[in-house]
Amino acid sequence: MEFKNEFPVVNPMIVYREEFDDWAVLFDPDTNETFGLDPVSSFIWKKLDGKHSIKTILSELEKECEGGIPEDAPKHVKEFLTDMEN
């Protein structure tokens, strides 16, 4: 799977609201849609600043997670980014 941007950036129109225990909610004012983010997705969202590559995000995620990350984590991160892009 190829991702369009190796240094992804969030849409500045999307409202990010962190709730409790690193769970968060995204709100798209253009569509009135909301999306829930678990702590891992929230961690990734915060790194989407155009300064972090996908590889760097995965590396920082691995450092953050006790016990490491699953082998297929890169696939899941790219799927999450594709979902967010869509």
C-alpha atoms as a PDB file:
ATOM      1  CA  MET A   1       0.000   0.000   0.000  1.00  0.00           C
ATOM      2  CA  GLU A   2       1.418   3.393  -0.973  1.00  0.00           C
ATOM      3  CA  PHE A   3       0.507   6.391   1.089  1.00  0.00           C
ATOM      4  CA  LYS A   4       0.249   9.715  -0.711  1.00  0.00           C
ATOM      5  CA  ASN A   5       2.203  11.714   1.852  1.00  0.00           C
ATOM      6  CA  GLU A   6       5.052  10.315   3.926  1.00  0.00           C
ATOM      7  CA  PHE A   7       4.808  13.377   6.230  1.00  0.00           C
ATOM      8  CA  PRO A   8       1.030  13.578   6.739  1.00  0.00           C
ATOM      9  CA  VAL A   9      -0.727  16.663   8.085  1.00  0.00           C
ATOM     10  CA  VAL A  10      -4.179  16.835   9.651  1.00  0.00           C
ATOM     11  CA  ASN A  11      -6.942  18.860   8.088  1.00  0.00           C
ATOM     12  CA  PRO A  12      -6.935  22.094  10.135  1.00  0.00           C
ATOM     13  CA  MET A  13     -10.732  22.296   9.858  1.00  0.00           C
ATOM     14  CA  ILE A  14     -11.168  19.092  11.884  1.00  0.00           C
ATOM     15  CA  VAL A  15     -11.742  19.751  15.575  1.00  0.00           C
ATOM     16  CA  TYR A  16      -9.803  17.450  17.900  1.00  0.00           C
ATOM     17  CA  ARG A  17     -11.020  17.170  21.475  1.00  0.00           C
ATOM     18  CA  GLU A  18      -9.207  14.977  23.936  1.00  0.00           C
ATOM     19  CA  GLU A  19     -11.536  13.441  26.477  1.00  0.00           C
ATOM     20  CA  PHE A  20     -10.237  11.130  29.192  1.00  0.00           C
ATOM     21  CA  ASP A  21      -7.432   8.552  29.322  1.00  0.00           C
ATOM     22  CA  ASP A  22      -6.191   9.737  25.901  1.00  0.00           C
ATOM     23  CA  TRP A  23      -9.468   8.942  24.139  1.00  0.00           C
ATOM     24  CA  ALA A  24     -10.545  11.701  21.772  1.00  0.00           C
ATOM     25  CA  VAL A  25     -13.271  12.874  19.450  1.00  0.00           C
ATOM     26  CA  LEU A  26     -12.851  14.373  15.994  1.00  0.00           C
ATOM     27  CA  PHE A  27     -15.536  16.644  14.597  1.00  0.00           C
ATOM     28  CA  ASP A  28     -15.788  17.630  10.949  1.00  0.00           C
ATOM     29  CA  PRO A  29     -17.818  20.862  10.767  1.00  0.00           C
ATOM     30  CA  ASP A  30     -18.247  20.506   6.996  1.00  0.00           C
ATOM     31  CA  THR A  31     -20.109  17.203   7.296  1.00  0.00           C
ATOM     32  CA  ASN A  32     -21.239  17.330  10.960  1.00  0.00           C
ATOM     33  CA  GLU A  33     -19.621  13.914  11.422  1.00  0.00           C
ATOM     34  CA  THR A  34     -17.843  12.827  14.582  1.00  0.00           C
ATOM     35  CA  PHE A  35     -15.258  10.101  14.984  1.00  0.00           C
ATOM     36  CA  GLY A  36     -13.993   8.477  18.160  1.00  0.00           C
ATOM     37  CA  LEU A  37     -10.281   7.858  18.574  1.00  0.00           C
ATOM     38  CA  ASP A  38      -8.792   5.289  20.917  1.00  0.00           C
ATOM     39  CA  PRO A  39      -5.518   6.160  22.699  1.00  0.00           C
ATOM     40  CA  VAL A  40      -3.315   4.779  19.909  1.00  0.00           C
ATOM     41  CA  SER A  41      -5.211   6.650  17.198  1.00  0.00           C
ATOM     42  CA  SER A  42      -5.114   9.773  19.355  1.00  0.00           C
ATOM     43  CA  PHE A  43      -1.333   9.395  19.742  1.00  0.00           C
ATOM     44  CA  ILE A  44      -0.969   9.116  15.957  1.00  0.00           C
ATOM     45  CA  TRP A  45      -3.289  12.088  15.333  1.00  0.00           C
ATOM     46  CA  LYS A  46      -1.116  14.309  17.514  1.00  0.00           C
ATOM     47  CA  LYS A  47       1.921  13.414  15.370  1.00  0.00           C
ATOM     48  CA  LEU A  48       0.286  14.417  12.075  1.00  0.00           C
ATOM     49  CA  ASP A  49       1.985  17.791  11.913  1.00  0.00           C
ATOM     50  CA  GLY A  50       3.958  17.424   8.690  1.00  0.00           C
ATOM     51  CA  LYS A  51       7.181  17.031  10.684  1.00  0.00           C
ATOM     52  CA  HIS A  52       6.786  13.345  11.538  1.00  0.00           C
ATOM     53  CA  SER A  53       7.161  10.708   8.855  1.00  0.00           C
ATOM     54  CA  ILE A  54       5.126   7.517   9.063  1.00  0.00           C
ATOM     55  CA  LYS A  55       8.341   5.723   9.994  1.00  0.00           C
ATOM     56  CA  THR A  56       9.012   8.203  12.817  1.00  0.00           C
ATOM     57  CA  ILE A  57       5.446   7.898  14.097  1.00  0.00           C
ATOM     58  CA  LEU A  58       5.818   4.114  14.241  1.00  0.00           C
ATOM     59  CA  SER A  59       9.146   4.424  16.037  1.00  0.00           C
ATOM     60  CA  GLU A  60       7.698   6.819  18.635  1.00  0.00           C
ATOM     61  CA  LEU A  61       4.647   4.602  19.044  1.00  0.00           C
ATOM     62  CA  GLU A  62       6.891   1.619  19.713  1.00  0.00           C
ATOM     63  CA  LYS A  63       8.751   3.587  22.406  1.00  0.00           C
ATOM     64  CA  GLU A  64       5.443   4.650  23.965  1.00  0.00           C
ATOM     65  CA  CYS A  65       3.905   1.170  24.085  1.00  0.00           C
ATOM     66  CA  GLU A  66       5.084  -1.176  26.762  1.00  0.00           C
ATOM     67  CA  GLY A  67       5.820  -4.571  25.311  1.00  0.00           C
ATOM     68  CA  GLY A  68       6.278  -3.272  21.762  1.00  0.00           C
ATOM     69  CA  ILE A  69       3.860  -3.057  18.869  1.00  0.00           C
ATOM     70  CA  PRO A  70       2.488  -5.843  16.656  1.00  0.00           C
ATOM     71  CA  GLU A  71       4.342  -6.757  13.459  1.00  0.00           C
ATOM     72  CA  ASP A  72       1.430  -5.543  11.367  1.00  0.00           C
ATOM     73  CA  ALA A  73       1.357  -2.097  13.045  1.00  0.00           C
ATOM     74  CA  PRO A  74       2.655  -0.303   9.912  1.00  0.00           C
ATOM     75  CA  LYS A  75      -0.281  -1.712   7.941  1.00  0.00           C
ATOM     76  CA  HIS A  76      -2.753  -0.545  10.589  1.00  0.00           C
ATOM     77  CA  VAL A  77      -1.211   2.928  10.798  1.00  0.00           C
ATOM     78  CA  LYS A  78      -1.430   3.339   7.031  1.00  0.00           C
ATOM     79  CA  GLU A  79      -5.050   2.124   7.074  1.00  0.00           C
ATOM     80  CA  PHE A  80      -5.865   4.643   9.807  1.00  0.00           C
ATOM     81  CA  LEU A  81      -4.224   7.445   7.807  1.00  0.00           C
ATOM     82  CA  THR A  82      -6.101   6.404   4.666  1.00  0.00           C
ATOM     83  CA  ASP A  83      -9.383   6.382   6.606  1.00  0.00           C
ATOM     84  CA  MET A  84      -8.627   9.859   7.945  1.00  0.00           C
ATOM     85  CA  GLU A  85      -7.693  11.094   4.501  1.00  0.00           C
ATOM     86  CA  ASN A  86     -10.980   9.813   3.079  1.00  0.00           C
END
